[in-house]
Amino acid sequence: MLVLTRKKGESIMIGDQIELIVLGTEGDTVKLGIKAPRHVDIFRKEVYDTIRDSNRQALRKVALQELNMLTKSEEN
């Protein structure tokens, strides 16, 4: 993990197209701005984890349905 120290108004670059800007701090809360191309999805980590878990569950469900269909067709 890379650890950087930045002050309000300073930024870091991620690759050539993503800029992360420190907009301010209040107590232990940091306000960040992100400049990125529109095609780049940006989520809070907890939202990303929820989406990923939901997609995995849906994939498992589809895989089980396909397996059940294969099993039934082999029985016939």
C-alpha atoms as a PDB file:
ATOM      1  CA  MET A   1       0.000   0.000   0.000  1.00  0.00           C
ATOM      2  CA  LEU A   2       1.296   3.412  -0.963  1.00  0.00           C
ATOM      3  CA  VAL A   3       0.755   5.991   1.792  1.00  0.00           C
ATOM      4  CA  LEU A   4       0.865   9.683   0.872  1.00  0.00           C
ATOM      5  CA  THR A   5       0.400  12.885   2.804  1.00  0.00           C
ATOM      6  CA  ARG A   6      -1.538  15.644   1.029  1.00  0.00           C
ATOM      7  CA  LYS A   7      -2.864  19.006   2.151  1.00  0.00           C
ATOM      8  CA  LYS A   8      -6.117  20.716   1.167  1.00  0.00           C
ATOM      9  CA  GLY A   9      -6.020  21.564  -2.525  1.00  0.00           C
ATOM     10  CA  GLU A  10      -3.268  19.060  -3.309  1.00  0.00           C
ATOM     11  CA  SER A  11      -3.881  16.007  -5.439  1.00  0.00           C
ATOM     12  CA  ILE A  12      -2.481  12.724  -6.663  1.00  0.00           C
ATOM     13  CA  MET A  13      -2.695  11.168 -10.103  1.00  0.00           C
ATOM     14  CA  ILE A  14      -3.728   7.558 -10.716  1.00  0.00           C
ATOM     15  CA  GLY A  15      -2.474   6.731 -14.171  1.00  0.00           C
ATOM     16  CA  ASP A  16      -2.852   9.492 -16.742  1.00  0.00           C
ATOM     17  CA  GLN A  17      -6.574  10.100 -16.411  1.00  0.00           C
ATOM     18  CA  ILE A  18      -7.637   9.951 -12.757  1.00  0.00           C
ATOM     19  CA  GLU A  19      -6.932  12.790 -10.333  1.00  0.00           C
ATOM     20  CA  LEU A  20      -7.781  12.529  -6.635  1.00  0.00           C
ATOM     21  CA  ILE A  21      -8.012  15.961  -4.967  1.00  0.00           C
ATOM     22  CA  VAL A  22      -8.151  16.718  -1.244  1.00  0.00           C
ATOM     23  CA  LEU A  23     -10.971  19.262  -0.908  1.00  0.00           C
ATOM     24  CA  GLY A  24     -10.856  19.556   2.859  1.00  0.00           C
ATOM     25  CA  THR A  25     -10.844  17.860   6.231  1.00  0.00           C
ATOM     26  CA  GLU A  26     -13.089  18.087   9.252  1.00  0.00           C
ATOM     27  CA  GLY A  27     -12.041  16.081  12.282  1.00  0.00           C
ATOM     28  CA  ASP A  28     -11.255  12.595  11.056  1.00  0.00           C
ATOM     29  CA  THR A  29     -13.309  13.043   7.866  1.00  0.00           C
ATOM     30  CA  VAL A  30     -11.620  13.806   4.539  1.00  0.00           C
ATOM     31  CA  LYS A  31     -13.528  15.301   1.613  1.00  0.00           C
ATOM     32  CA  LEU A  32     -12.160  14.088  -1.740  1.00  0.00           C
ATOM     33  CA  GLY A  33     -12.841  15.101  -5.318  1.00  0.00           C
ATOM     34  CA  ILE A  34     -12.241  12.698  -8.175  1.00  0.00           C
ATOM     35  CA  LYS A  35     -11.676  13.711 -11.780  1.00  0.00           C
ATOM     36  CA  ALA A  36     -11.963  10.714 -14.079  1.00  0.00           C
ATOM     37  CA  PRO A  37     -13.293   9.860 -17.540  1.00  0.00           C
ATOM     38  CA  ARG A  38     -17.026   9.131 -17.626  1.00  0.00           C
ATOM     39  CA  HIS A  39     -16.440   5.477 -18.537  1.00  0.00           C
ATOM     40  CA  VAL A  40     -14.629   4.872 -15.229  1.00  0.00           C
ATOM     41  CA  ASP A  41     -16.994   3.597 -12.531  1.00  0.00           C
ATOM     42  CA  ILE A  42     -16.349   5.125  -9.097  1.00  0.00           C
ATOM     43  CA  PHE A  43     -17.999   3.693  -5.976  1.00  0.00           C
ATOM     44  CA  ARG A  44     -17.531   3.927  -2.231  1.00  0.00           C
ATOM     45  CA  LYS A  45     -15.911   0.649  -1.122  1.00  0.00           C
ATOM     46  CA  GLU A  46     -18.970  -0.546   0.819  1.00  0.00           C
ATOM     47  CA  VAL A  47     -21.200   0.017  -2.228  1.00  0.00           C
ATOM     48  CA  TYR A  48     -18.682  -1.738  -4.488  1.00  0.00           C
ATOM     49  CA  ASP A  49     -18.577  -4.730  -2.126  1.00  0.00           C
ATOM     50  CA  THR A  50     -22.398  -4.940  -2.105  1.00  0.00           C
ATOM     51  CA  ILE A  51     -22.548  -4.839  -5.921  1.00  0.00           C
ATOM     52  CA  ARG A  52     -19.788  -7.461  -6.217  1.00  0.00           C
ATOM     53  CA  ASP A  53     -21.482  -9.785  -3.714  1.00  0.00           C
ATOM     54  CA  SER A  54     -24.851  -9.382  -5.443  1.00  0.00           C
ATOM     55  CA  ASN A  55     -23.277 -10.187  -8.824  1.00  0.00           C
ATOM     56  CA  ARG A  56     -21.594 -13.284  -7.393  1.00  0.00           C
ATOM     57  CA  GLN A  57     -24.869 -14.534  -5.913  1.00  0.00           C
ATOM     58  CA  ALA A  58     -26.679 -13.962  -9.214  1.00  0.00           C
ATOM     59  CA  LEU A  59     -23.932 -15.810 -11.087  1.00  0.00           C
ATOM     60  CA  ARG A  60     -24.173 -18.765  -8.684  1.00  0.00           C
ATOM     61  CA  LYS A  61     -27.954 -18.852  -9.147  1.00  0.00           C
ATOM     62  CA  VAL A  62     -27.644 -18.880 -12.945  1.00  0.00           C
ATOM     63  CA  ALA A  63     -24.934 -21.570 -12.804  1.00  0.00           C
ATOM     64  CA  LEU A  64     -27.152 -23.761 -10.595  1.00  0.00           C
ATOM     65  CA  GLN A  65     -30.115 -23.288 -12.928  1.00  0.00           C
ATOM     66  CA  GLU A  66     -27.981 -24.271 -15.927  1.00  0.00           C
ATOM     67  CA  LEU A  67     -26.642 -27.294 -14.063  1.00  0.00           C
ATOM     68  CA  ASN A  68     -30.186 -28.368 -13.185  1.00  0.00           C
ATOM     69  CA  MET A  69     -31.251 -27.989 -16.822  1.00  0.00           C
ATOM     70  CA  LEU A  70     -28.287 -30.078 -17.994  1.00  0.00           C
ATOM     71  CA  THR A  71     -29.020 -32.762 -15.418  1.00  0.00           C
ATOM     72  CA  LYS A  72     -32.695 -32.917 -16.465  1.00  0.00           C
ATOM     73  CA  SER A  73     -31.813 -33.129 -20.178  1.00  0.00           C
ATOM     74  CA  GLU A  74     -29.363 -35.976 -19.490  1.00  0.00           C
ATOM     75  CA  GLU A  75     -32.078 -37.882 -17.634  1.00  0.00           C
ATOM     76  CA  ASN A  76     -34.345 -37.767 -20.712  1.00  0.00           C
END
